[in-house]
Amino acid sequence: MTIAVEAWRLREAARGAIVAGEPRRAFDLVSEAQETQATPAGGALLRLSAWLAASRDASGQ
């Protein structure tokens, strides 16, 4: 149960980082969450944060 809670907290922090406009930080957090306990929702969040980070890098922000 503790592992699941830690992964959930990391995913929640990643969601917050996306809202705050920090996709690279979100990617790092959700990557750690997925290493701790992989979930389908975490996989989707990982893909989203990777896409947002790449988009931001491509636009030079």
PDB file of N, CA and C in Angstrom:
ATOM      1  N   MET A   1       0.816  -1.197   0.000  1.00  0.00           N
ATOM      2  CA  MET A   1       0.000   0.000   0.000  1.00  0.00           C
ATOM      3  C   MET A   1       0.863   1.266   0.000  1.00  0.00           C
ATOM      4  N   THR A   2       1.953   1.256   0.725  1.00  0.00           N
ATOM      5  CA  THR A   2       2.827   2.425   0.807  1.00  0.00           C
ATOM      6  C   THR A   2       3.407   2.777  -0.563  1.00  0.00           C
ATOM      7  N   ILE A   3       3.771   1.784  -1.343  1.00  0.00           N
ATOM      8  CA  ILE A   3       4.312   2.027  -2.677  1.00  0.00           C
ATOM      9  C   ILE A   3       3.251   2.694  -3.555  1.00  0.00           C
ATOM     10  N   ALA A   4       2.031   2.212  -3.467  1.00  0.00           N
ATOM     11  CA  ALA A   4       0.937   2.787  -4.254  1.00  0.00           C
ATOM     12  C   ALA A   4       0.692   4.241  -3.865  1.00  0.00           C
ATOM     13  N   VAL A   5       0.758   4.535  -2.592  1.00  0.00           N
ATOM     14  CA  VAL A   5       0.543   5.909  -2.127  1.00  0.00           C
ATOM     15  C   VAL A   5       1.656   6.827  -2.625  1.00  0.00           C
ATOM     16  N   GLU A   6       2.881   6.373  -2.566  1.00  0.00           N
ATOM     17  CA  GLU A   6       4.006   7.181  -3.035  1.00  0.00           C
ATOM     18  C   GLU A   6       3.872   7.468  -4.537  1.00  0.00           C
ATOM     19  N   ALA A   7       3.521   6.450  -5.304  1.00  0.00           N
ATOM     20  CA  ALA A   7       3.341   6.641  -6.747  1.00  0.00           C
ATOM     21  C   ALA A   7       2.198   7.619  -7.017  1.00  0.00           C
ATOM     22  N   TRP A   8       1.114   7.499  -6.266  1.00  0.00           N
ATOM     23  CA  TRP A   8      -0.019   8.411  -6.432  1.00  0.00           C
ATOM     24  C   TRP A   8       0.399   9.851  -6.131  1.00  0.00           C
ATOM     25  N   ARG A   9       1.154  10.040  -5.058  1.00  0.00           N
ATOM     26  CA  ARG A   9       1.624  11.390  -4.701  1.00  0.00           C
ATOM     27  C   ARG A   9       2.502  11.984  -5.798  1.00  0.00           C
ATOM     28  N   LEU A  10       3.358  11.160  -6.357  1.00  0.00           N
ATOM     29  CA  LEU A  10       4.214  11.635  -7.445  1.00  0.00           C
ATOM     30  C   LEU A  10       3.388  12.019  -8.670  1.00  0.00           C
ATOM     31  N   ARG A  11       2.368  11.208  -8.999  1.00  0.00           N
ATOM     32  CA  ARG A  11       1.507  11.546 -10.131  1.00  0.00           C
ATOM     33  C   ARG A  11       0.721  12.827  -9.861  1.00  0.00           C
ATOM     34  N   GLU A  12       0.247  13.000  -8.652  1.00  0.00           N
ATOM     35  CA  GLU A  12      -0.452  14.239  -8.295  1.00  0.00           C
ATOM     36  C   GLU A  12       0.481  15.446  -8.426  1.00  0.00           C
ATOM     37  N   ALA A  13       1.712  15.301  -7.977  1.00  0.00           N
ATOM     38  CA  ALA A  13       2.690  16.387  -8.108  1.00  0.00           C
ATOM     39  C   ALA A  13       2.973  16.669  -9.582  1.00  0.00           C
ATOM     40  N   ALA A  14       3.005  15.631 -10.407  1.00  0.00           N
ATOM     41  CA  ALA A  14       3.214  15.812 -11.848  1.00  0.00           C
ATOM     42  C   ALA A  14       2.058  16.583 -12.464  1.00  0.00           C
ATOM     43  N   ARG A  15       0.834  16.253 -12.052  1.00  0.00           N
ATOM     44  CA  ARG A  15      -0.328  16.997 -12.554  1.00  0.00           C
ATOM     45  C   ARG A  15      -0.219  18.472 -12.173  1.00  0.00           C
ATOM     46  N   GLY A  16       0.201  18.729 -10.958  1.00  0.00           N
ATOM     47  CA  GLY A  16       0.386  20.107 -10.503  1.00  0.00           C
ATOM     48  C   GLY A  16       1.460  20.825 -11.301  1.00  0.00           C
ATOM     49  N   ALA A  17       2.525  20.119 -11.642  1.00  0.00           N
ATOM     50  CA  ALA A  17       3.595  20.726 -12.434  1.00  0.00           C
ATOM     51  C   ALA A  17       3.097  21.076 -13.837  1.00  0.00           C
ATOM     52  N   ILE A  18       2.241  20.238 -14.406  1.00  0.00           N
ATOM     53  CA  ILE A  18       1.676  20.556 -15.723  1.00  0.00           C
ATOM     54  C   ILE A  18       0.848  21.827 -15.629  1.00  0.00           C
ATOM     55  N   VAL A  19       0.009  21.907 -14.617  1.00  0.00           N
ATOM     56  CA  VAL A  19      -0.828  23.103 -14.427  1.00  0.00           C
ATOM     57  C   VAL A  19       0.047  24.342 -14.239  1.00  0.00           C
ATOM     58  N   ALA A  20       1.166  24.184 -13.556  1.00  0.00           N
ATOM     59  CA  ALA A  20       2.075  25.302 -13.299  1.00  0.00           C
ATOM     60  C   ALA A  20       2.947  25.651 -14.506  1.00  0.00           C
ATOM     61  N   GLY A  21       2.801  24.897 -15.598  1.00  0.00           N
ATOM     62  CA  GLY A  21       3.592  25.179 -16.792  1.00  0.00           C
ATOM     63  C   GLY A  21       4.999  24.644 -16.735  1.00  0.00           C
ATOM     64  N   GLU A  22       5.199  23.555 -15.998  1.00  0.00           N
ATOM     65  CA  GLU A  22       6.518  22.941 -15.852  1.00  0.00           C
ATOM     66  C   GLU A  22       6.485  21.498 -16.361  1.00  0.00           C
ATOM     67  N   PRO A  23       6.368  21.311 -17.685  1.00  0.00           N
ATOM     68  CA  PRO A  23       6.228  19.957 -18.212  1.00  0.00           C
ATOM     69  C   PRO A  23       7.460  19.072 -18.001  1.00  0.00           C
ATOM     70  N   ARG A  24       8.650  19.644 -18.006  1.00  0.00           N
ATOM     71  CA  ARG A  24       9.857  18.832 -17.791  1.00  0.00           C
ATOM     72  C   ARG A  24       9.854  18.269 -16.368  1.00  0.00           C
ATOM     73  N   ARG A  25       9.480  19.099 -15.395  1.00  0.00           N
ATOM     74  CA  ARG A  25       9.380  18.636 -14.004  1.00  0.00           C
ATOM     75  C   ARG A  25       8.294  17.571 -13.894  1.00  0.00           C
ATOM     76  N   ALA A  26       7.176  17.789 -14.575  1.00  0.00           N
ATOM     77  CA  ALA A  26       6.092  16.803 -14.574  1.00  0.00           C
ATOM     78  C   ALA A  26       6.578  15.475 -15.121  1.00  0.00           C
ATOM     79  N   PHE A  27       7.323  15.520 -16.212  1.00  0.00           N
ATOM     80  CA  PHE A  27       7.852  14.294 -16.805  1.00  0.00           C
ATOM     81  C   PHE A  27       8.746  13.548 -15.824  1.00  0.00           C
ATOM     82  N   ASP A  28       9.620  14.282 -15.151  1.00  0.00           N
ATOM     83  CA  ASP A  28      10.518  13.651 -14.171  1.00  0.00           C
ATOM     84  C   ASP A  28       9.730  13.001 -13.034  1.00  0.00           C
ATOM     85  N   LEU A  29       8.718  13.698 -12.540  1.00  0.00           N
ATOM     86  CA  LEU A  29       7.917  13.169 -11.438  1.00  0.00           C
ATOM     87  C   LEU A  29       7.130  11.933 -11.848  1.00  0.00           C
ATOM     88  N   VAL A  30       6.484  12.000 -12.994  1.00  0.00           N
ATOM     89  CA  VAL A  30       5.677  10.852 -13.414  1.00  0.00           C
ATOM     90  C   VAL A  30       6.562   9.678 -13.832  1.00  0.00           C
ATOM     91  N   SER A  31       7.753   9.953 -14.317  1.00  0.00           N
ATOM     92  CA  SER A  31       8.701   8.871 -14.608  1.00  0.00           C
ATOM     93  C   SER A  31       9.043   8.112 -13.332  1.00  0.00           C
ATOM     94  N   GLU A  32       9.293   8.860 -12.270  1.00  0.00           N
ATOM     95  CA  GLU A  32       9.586   8.232 -10.976  1.00  0.00           C
ATOM     96  C   GLU A  32       8.376   7.444 -10.467  1.00  0.00           C
ATOM     97  N   ALA A  33       7.186   8.010 -10.650  1.00  0.00           N
ATOM     98  CA  ALA A  33       5.967   7.315 -10.223  1.00  0.00           C
ATOM     99  C   ALA A  33       5.806   6.001 -10.974  1.00  0.00           C
ATOM    100  N   GLN A  34       6.056   6.021 -12.261  1.00  0.00           N
ATOM    101  CA  GLN A  34       5.898   4.820 -13.073  1.00  0.00           C
ATOM    102  C   GLN A  34       6.941   3.765 -12.715  1.00  0.00           C
ATOM    103  N   GLU A  35       8.129   4.195 -12.316  1.00  0.00           N
ATOM    104  CA  GLU A  35       9.139   3.241 -11.857  1.00  0.00           C
ATOM    105  C   GLU A  35       8.718   2.608 -10.536  1.00  0.00           C
ATOM    106  N   THR A  36       8.041   3.390  -9.701  1.00  0.00           N
ATOM    107  CA  THR A  36       7.577   2.905  -8.409  1.00  0.00           C
ATOM    108  C   THR A  36       6.416   1.942  -8.583  1.00  0.00           C
ATOM    109  N   GLN A  37       5.409   2.366  -9.354  1.00  0.00           N
ATOM    110  CA  GLN A  37       4.245   1.522  -9.635  1.00  0.00           C
ATOM    111  C   GLN A  37       3.608   2.007 -10.929  1.00  0.00           C
ATOM    112  N   ALA A  38       3.754   1.231 -11.967  1.00  0.00           N
ATOM    113  CA  ALA A  38       3.205   1.603 -13.264  1.00  0.00           C
ATOM    114  C   ALA A  38       1.692   1.413 -13.292  1.00  0.00           C
ATOM    115  N   THR A  39       1.006   2.399 -13.872  1.00  0.00           N
ATOM    116  CA  THR A  39      -0.440   2.326 -14.057  1.00  0.00           C
ATOM    117  C   THR A  39      -0.771   2.842 -15.460  1.00  0.00           C
ATOM    118  N   PRO A  40      -1.925   2.470 -15.992  1.00  0.00           N
ATOM    119  CA  PRO A  40      -2.324   3.022 -17.291  1.00  0.00           C
ATOM    120  C   PRO A  40      -2.462   4.548 -17.258  1.00  0.00           C
ATOM    121  N   ALA A  41      -3.034   5.076 -16.194  1.00  0.00           N
ATOM    122  CA  ALA A  41      -3.175   6.534 -16.073  1.00  0.00           C
ATOM    123  C   ALA A  41      -1.802   7.199 -16.009  1.00  0.00           C
ATOM    124  N   GLY A  42      -0.869   6.570 -15.317  1.00  0.00           N
ATOM    125  CA  GLY A  42       0.488   7.104 -15.252  1.00  0.00           C
ATOM    126  C   GLY A  42       1.158   7.096 -16.615  1.00  0.00           C
ATOM    127  N   GLY A  43       0.888   6.053 -17.393  1.00  0.00           N
ATOM    128  CA  GLY A  43       1.425   5.993 -18.749  1.00  0.00           C
ATOM    129  C   GLY A  43       0.898   7.126 -19.615  1.00  0.00           C
ATOM    130  N   ALA A  44      -0.386   7.407 -19.477  1.00  0.00           N
ATOM    131  CA  ALA A  44      -0.988   8.510 -20.230  1.00  0.00           C
ATOM    132  C   ALA A  44      -0.385   9.848 -19.788  1.00  0.00           C
ATOM    133  N   LEU A  45      -0.202  10.010 -18.497  1.00  0.00           N
ATOM    134  CA  LEU A  45       0.383  11.236 -17.961  1.00  0.00           C
ATOM    135  C   LEU A  45       1.835  11.381 -18.418  1.00  0.00           C
ATOM    136  N   LEU A  46       2.544  10.273 -18.499  1.00  0.00           N
ATOM    137  CA  LEU A  46       3.927  10.295 -18.982  1.00  0.00           C
ATOM    138  C   LEU A  46       3.975  10.752 -20.436  1.00  0.00           C
ATOM    139  N   ARG A  47       3.093  10.201 -21.263  1.00  0.00           N
ATOM    140  CA  ARG A  47       3.064  10.605 -22.678  1.00  0.00           C
ATOM    141  C   ARG A  47       2.679  12.075 -22.827  1.00  0.00           C
ATOM    142  N   LEU A  48       1.706  12.520 -22.041  1.00  0.00           N
ATOM    143  CA  LEU A  48       1.288  13.928 -22.102  1.00  0.00           C
ATOM    144  C   LEU A  48       2.421  14.859 -21.699  1.00  0.00           C
ATOM    145  N   SER A  49       3.073  14.550 -20.594  1.00  0.00           N
ATOM    146  CA  SER A  49       4.143  15.437 -20.130  1.00  0.00           C
ATOM    147  C   SER A  49       5.321  15.434 -21.097  1.00  0.00           C
ATOM    148  N   ALA A  50       5.610  14.297 -21.714  1.00  0.00           N
ATOM    149  CA  ALA A  50       6.687  14.241 -22.712  1.00  0.00           C
ATOM    150  C   ALA A  50       6.335  15.104 -23.914  1.00  0.00           C
ATOM    151  N   TRP A  51       5.081  15.017 -24.363  1.00  0.00           N
ATOM    152  CA  TRP A  51       4.631  15.813 -25.502  1.00  0.00           C
ATOM    153  C   TRP A  51       4.683  17.304 -25.178  1.00  0.00           C
ATOM    154  N   LEU A  52       4.209  17.677 -23.988  1.00  0.00           N
ATOM    155  CA  LEU A  52       4.227  19.088 -23.593  1.00  0.00           C
ATOM    156  C   LEU A  52       5.668  19.617 -23.491  1.00  0.00           C
ATOM    157  N   ALA A  53       6.552  18.809 -22.920  1.00  0.00           N
ATOM    158  CA  ALA A  53       7.957  19.233 -22.798  1.00  0.00           C
ATOM    159  C   ALA A  53       8.587  19.396 -24.167  1.00  0.00           C
ATOM    160  N   ALA A  54       8.325  18.462 -25.067  1.00  0.00           N
ATOM    161  CA  ALA A  54       8.884  18.543 -26.417  1.00  0.00           C
ATOM    162  C   ALA A  54       8.322  19.750 -27.160  1.00  0.00           C
ATOM    163  N   SER A  55       7.036  20.015 -26.996  1.00  0.00           N
ATOM    164  CA  SER A  55       6.416  21.172 -27.637  1.00  0.00           C
ATOM    165  C   SER A  55       7.015  22.466 -27.126  1.00  0.00           C
ATOM    166  N   ARG A  56       7.236  22.497 -25.840  1.00  0.00           N
ATOM    167  CA  ARG A  56       7.815  23.705 -25.233  1.00  0.00           C
ATOM    168  C   ARG A  56       9.249  23.904 -25.701  1.00  0.00           C
ATOM    169  N   ASP A  57      10.018  22.805 -25.781  1.00  0.00           N
ATOM    170  CA  ASP A  57      11.399  22.902 -26.271  1.00  0.00           C
ATOM    171  C   ASP A  57      11.437  23.365 -27.726  1.00  0.00           C
ATOM    172  N   ALA A  58      10.516  22.848 -28.526  1.00  0.00           N
ATOM    173  CA  ALA A  58      10.483  23.196 -29.945  1.00  0.00           C
ATOM    174  C   ALA A  58      10.117  24.667 -30.158  1.00  0.00           C
ATOM    175  N   SER A  59       9.330  25.219 -29.267  1.00  0.00           N
ATOM    176  CA  SER A  59       8.932  26.610 -29.412  1.00  0.00           C
ATOM    177  C   SER A  59       9.924  27.568 -28.757  1.00  0.00           C
ATOM    178  N   GLY A  60      10.944  27.001 -28.100  1.00  0.00           N
ATOM    179  CA  GLY A  60      11.983  27.824 -27.492  1.00  0.00           C
ATOM    180  C   GLY A  60      11.602  28.458 -26.167  1.00  0.00           C
ATOM    181  N   GLN A  61      10.617  27.941 -25.504  1.00  0.00           N
ATOM    182  CA  GLN A  61      10.199  28.518 -24.218  1.00  0.00           C
ATOM    183  C   GLN A  61      10.974  27.931 -23.087  1.00  0.00           C
TER     184      GLN A  61
END
